[in-house]
């Protein structure tokens, strides 16, 4: 079971090991950012804050012999799979005792060989406090229309919302 924040590419681990050019090591070497997590045997997930960044990565997966829908899908933290994938199940769950927030998780369906006992995987430096919460999530289109760009430092953008006074941060791959 993998964490799925913002936009995610969720890939069947078996497909990476058998189809990706160069195998799993090459896949890891070509990760576009530090949001990767894996539940070891079933799913790998890479997260994106910007749709266009995700689509660049999707192109590289296809170029390396992975197939959209059969091997991987695109996922949104609030809406679930963007591309239908019968092999994937998901839910928003309050997972941590110390947090009232819900988090989005995805796992390989037991109908496709998924384990009954789910282990939670998330990026190395992730914590519930650092998470992207549904209550704080701003759709990309709204962010560009309503917010003012304050700073772009090598792909790490800082936006300000003049209506609420809140600041949002967007990392680019």
Protein backbone atom coordinates (compact mmCIF):
# COMPACT_ATOMS: atom_id res chain seq x y z
CA UNK A 1 0.00 0.00 0.00
CA UNK A 2 1.48 3.33 -1.07
CA UNK A 3 0.77 6.92 -0.13
CA UNK A 4 -0.77 8.89 -3.00
CA UNK A 5 -0.48 12.68 -2.60
CA UNK A 6 -1.23 15.35 -5.21
CA UNK A 7 -0.68 13.68 -8.60
CA UNK A 8 0.89 10.24 -8.56
CA UNK A 9 2.13 7.70 -11.05
CA UNK A 10 1.43 4.29 -9.54
CA UNK A 11 3.25 1.37 -11.14
CA UNK A 12 3.01 -2.38 -10.69
CA UNK A 13 6.41 -3.46 -9.33
CA UNK A 14 6.32 -6.70 -11.31
CA UNK A 15 5.98 -4.67 -14.54
CA UNK A 16 9.06 -2.63 -13.66
CA UNK A 17 11.10 -5.74 -12.95
CA UNK A 18 10.03 -7.55 -16.11
CA UNK A 19 9.37 -4.79 -18.69
CA UNK A 20 11.38 -1.66 -17.82
CA UNK A 21 14.57 -1.35 -19.91
CA UNK A 22 17.43 -2.23 -17.54
CA UNK A 23 15.10 -3.57 -14.84
CA UNK A 24 14.41 -2.22 -11.38
CA UNK A 25 17.88 -0.68 -10.84
CA UNK A 26 17.54 1.38 -14.04
CA UNK A 27 14.06 2.44 -12.95
CA UNK A 28 15.39 3.70 -9.60
CA UNK A 29 18.28 5.47 -11.28
CA UNK A 30 15.86 7.37 -13.55
CA UNK A 31 13.48 8.66 -10.85
CA UNK A 32 12.67 12.34 -11.49
CA UNK A 33 12.38 13.42 -7.84
CA UNK A 34 12.54 12.22 -4.22
CA UNK A 35 8.88 11.27 -3.79
CA UNK A 36 9.31 7.59 -4.71
CA UNK A 37 8.00 4.96 -2.37
CA UNK A 38 7.42 1.26 -2.73
CA UNK A 39 5.66 -1.39 -0.72
CA UNK A 40 8.48 -3.71 -1.89
CA UNK A 41 6.56 -6.33 -3.82
CA UNK A 42 3.48 -4.84 -5.42
CA UNK A 43 3.45 -1.09 -6.14
CA UNK A 44 5.83 1.80 -6.69
CA UNK A 45 4.66 5.40 -6.56
CA UNK A 46 6.20 8.70 -7.70
CA UNK A 47 4.47 11.96 -6.81
CA UNK A 48 4.14 15.25 -8.64
CA UNK A 49 2.70 18.64 -7.75
CA UNK A 50 2.32 19.73 -11.39
CA UNK A 51 0.50 17.84 -14.15
CA UNK A 52 3.03 18.75 -16.86
CA UNK A 53 5.90 17.30 -14.81
CA UNK A 54 3.98 14.07 -14.41
CA UNK A 55 3.34 13.85 -18.14
CA UNK A 56 7.05 14.21 -18.91
CA UNK A 57 7.69 11.27 -16.61
CA UNK A 58 4.88 9.23 -18.19
CA UNK A 59 6.56 9.68 -21.57
CA UNK A 60 9.80 8.25 -20.15
CA UNK A 61 7.95 5.23 -18.72
CA UNK A 62 6.38 4.47 -22.09
CA UNK A 63 9.77 4.89 -23.80
CA UNK A 64 11.12 2.29 -21.35
CA UNK A 65 8.47 -0.33 -22.28
CA UNK A 66 5.79 0.27 -19.63
CA UNK A 67 2.16 0.42 -20.71
CA UNK A 68 -0.38 2.92 -19.40
CA UNK A 69 -3.29 1.19 -17.65
CA UNK A 70 -1.79 -2.33 -17.80
CA UNK A 71 1.50 -1.48 -15.99
CA UNK A 72 0.87 1.94 -14.47
CA UNK A 73 -1.84 4.49 -13.90
CA UNK A 74 -2.18 8.18 -13.15
CA UNK A 75 -3.76 9.08 -9.85
CA UNK A 76 -5.13 12.16 -8.07
CA UNK A 77 -5.22 12.28 -4.29
CA UNK A 78 -8.88 13.37 -4.08
CA UNK A 79 -10.39 11.72 -7.16
CA UNK A 80 -8.45 8.44 -7.42
CA UNK A 81 -7.33 6.89 -10.71
CA UNK A 82 -7.34 9.27 -13.65
CA UNK A 83 -6.77 6.31 -15.97
CA UNK A 84 -8.84 3.19 -15.22
CA UNK A 85 -6.81 0.37 -13.68
CA UNK A 86 -8.78 -2.66 -12.48
CA UNK A 87 -5.72 -3.85 -10.56
CA UNK A 88 -5.73 -0.83 -8.21
CA UNK A 89 -7.83 -0.15 -5.12
CA UNK A 90 -7.70 3.00 -3.01
CA UNK A 91 -9.23 4.87 -0.10
CA UNK A 92 -8.84 7.99 2.02
CA UNK A 93 -8.13 6.88 5.57
CA UNK A 94 -7.33 8.41 8.95
CA UNK A 95 -4.23 6.26 9.41
CA UNK A 96 -2.27 7.95 12.19
CA UNK A 97 -3.52 8.19 15.77
CA UNK A 98 -1.88 11.58 16.29
CA UNK A 99 -3.57 13.11 13.23
CA UNK A 100 -7.23 13.81 12.46
CA UNK A 101 -6.40 14.18 8.76
CA UNK A 102 -7.20 11.59 6.14
CA UNK A 103 -4.54 10.40 3.74
CA UNK A 104 -4.95 8.72 0.36
CA UNK A 105 -3.58 5.20 -0.07
CA UNK A 106 -3.54 2.86 -3.03
CA UNK A 107 -2.86 -0.88 -3.11
CA UNK A 108 -2.81 -3.80 -5.52
CA UNK A 109 -6.20 -5.49 -5.58
CA UNK A 110 -6.29 -8.98 -4.05
CA UNK A 111 -7.95 -10.03 -7.33
CA UNK A 112 -4.59 -9.29 -9.01
CA UNK A 113 -2.36 -10.94 -6.41
CA UNK A 114 -2.36 -8.15 -3.81
CA UNK A 115 -1.61 -9.13 -0.22
CA UNK A 116 -4.41 -9.19 2.31
CA UNK A 117 -2.19 -7.61 4.99
CA UNK A 118 -1.31 -4.12 3.83
CA UNK A 119 1.94 -2.40 4.77
CA UNK A 120 2.10 1.36 4.38
CA UNK A 121 4.89 2.81 2.20
CA UNK A 122 5.75 6.50 1.90
CA UNK A 123 8.75 8.59 0.78
CA UNK A 124 11.78 8.58 3.10
CA UNK A 125 11.41 12.13 4.42
CA UNK A 126 7.59 12.14 4.57
CA UNK A 127 5.69 12.75 7.81
CA UNK A 128 1.99 13.47 8.45
CA UNK A 129 3.01 17.03 9.39
CA UNK A 130 4.68 17.55 5.98
CA UNK A 131 1.81 16.00 4.04
CA UNK A 132 -0.38 17.62 1.43
CA UNK A 133 -3.75 17.79 3.16
CA UNK A 134 -7.05 17.83 1.31
CA UNK A 135 -8.09 20.95 3.24
CA UNK A 136 -4.97 22.78 2.00
CA UNK A 137 -4.97 21.42 -1.54
CA UNK A 138 -5.34 24.01 -4.29
CA UNK A 139 -5.99 22.75 -7.84
CA UNK A 140 -3.24 23.75 -10.24
CA UNK A 141 -5.52 25.90 -12.43
CA UNK A 142 -6.83 27.85 -9.44
CA UNK A 143 -3.30 28.33 -8.13
CA UNK A 144 -2.21 29.96 -11.39
CA UNK A 145 -5.34 32.16 -11.64
CA UNK A 146 -5.76 33.34 -8.07
CA UNK A 147 -2.30 33.22 -6.53
CA UNK A 148 0.65 35.49 -7.19
CA UNK A 149 4.05 33.96 -7.87
CA UNK A 150 6.46 35.40 -5.33
CA UNK A 151 9.56 33.39 -6.14
CA UNK A 152 10.80 30.63 -8.44
CA UNK A 153 14.03 29.17 -7.10
CA UNK A 154 15.20 26.36 -9.42
CA UNK A 155 11.72 24.88 -9.74
CA UNK A 156 10.61 25.46 -6.16
CA UNK A 157 7.85 28.07 -6.48
CA UNK A 158 6.35 30.20 -3.72
CA UNK A 159 2.84 31.57 -4.30
CA UNK A 160 0.78 34.02 -2.24
CA UNK A 161 -3.03 34.06 -2.05
CA UNK A 162 -4.17 37.69 -1.70
CA UNK A 163 -7.65 36.57 -0.54
CA UNK A 164 -6.51 34.47 2.42
CA UNK A 165 -2.97 35.74 2.92
CA UNK A 166 -1.73 32.13 2.81
CA UNK A 167 1.44 31.03 1.09
CA UNK A 168 1.64 27.84 -1.01
CA UNK A 169 4.75 26.03 -2.18
CA UNK A 170 5.04 23.98 -5.35
CA UNK A 171 8.03 21.78 -6.13
CA UNK A 172 8.75 20.99 -9.77
CA UNK A 173 10.49 17.88 -11.03
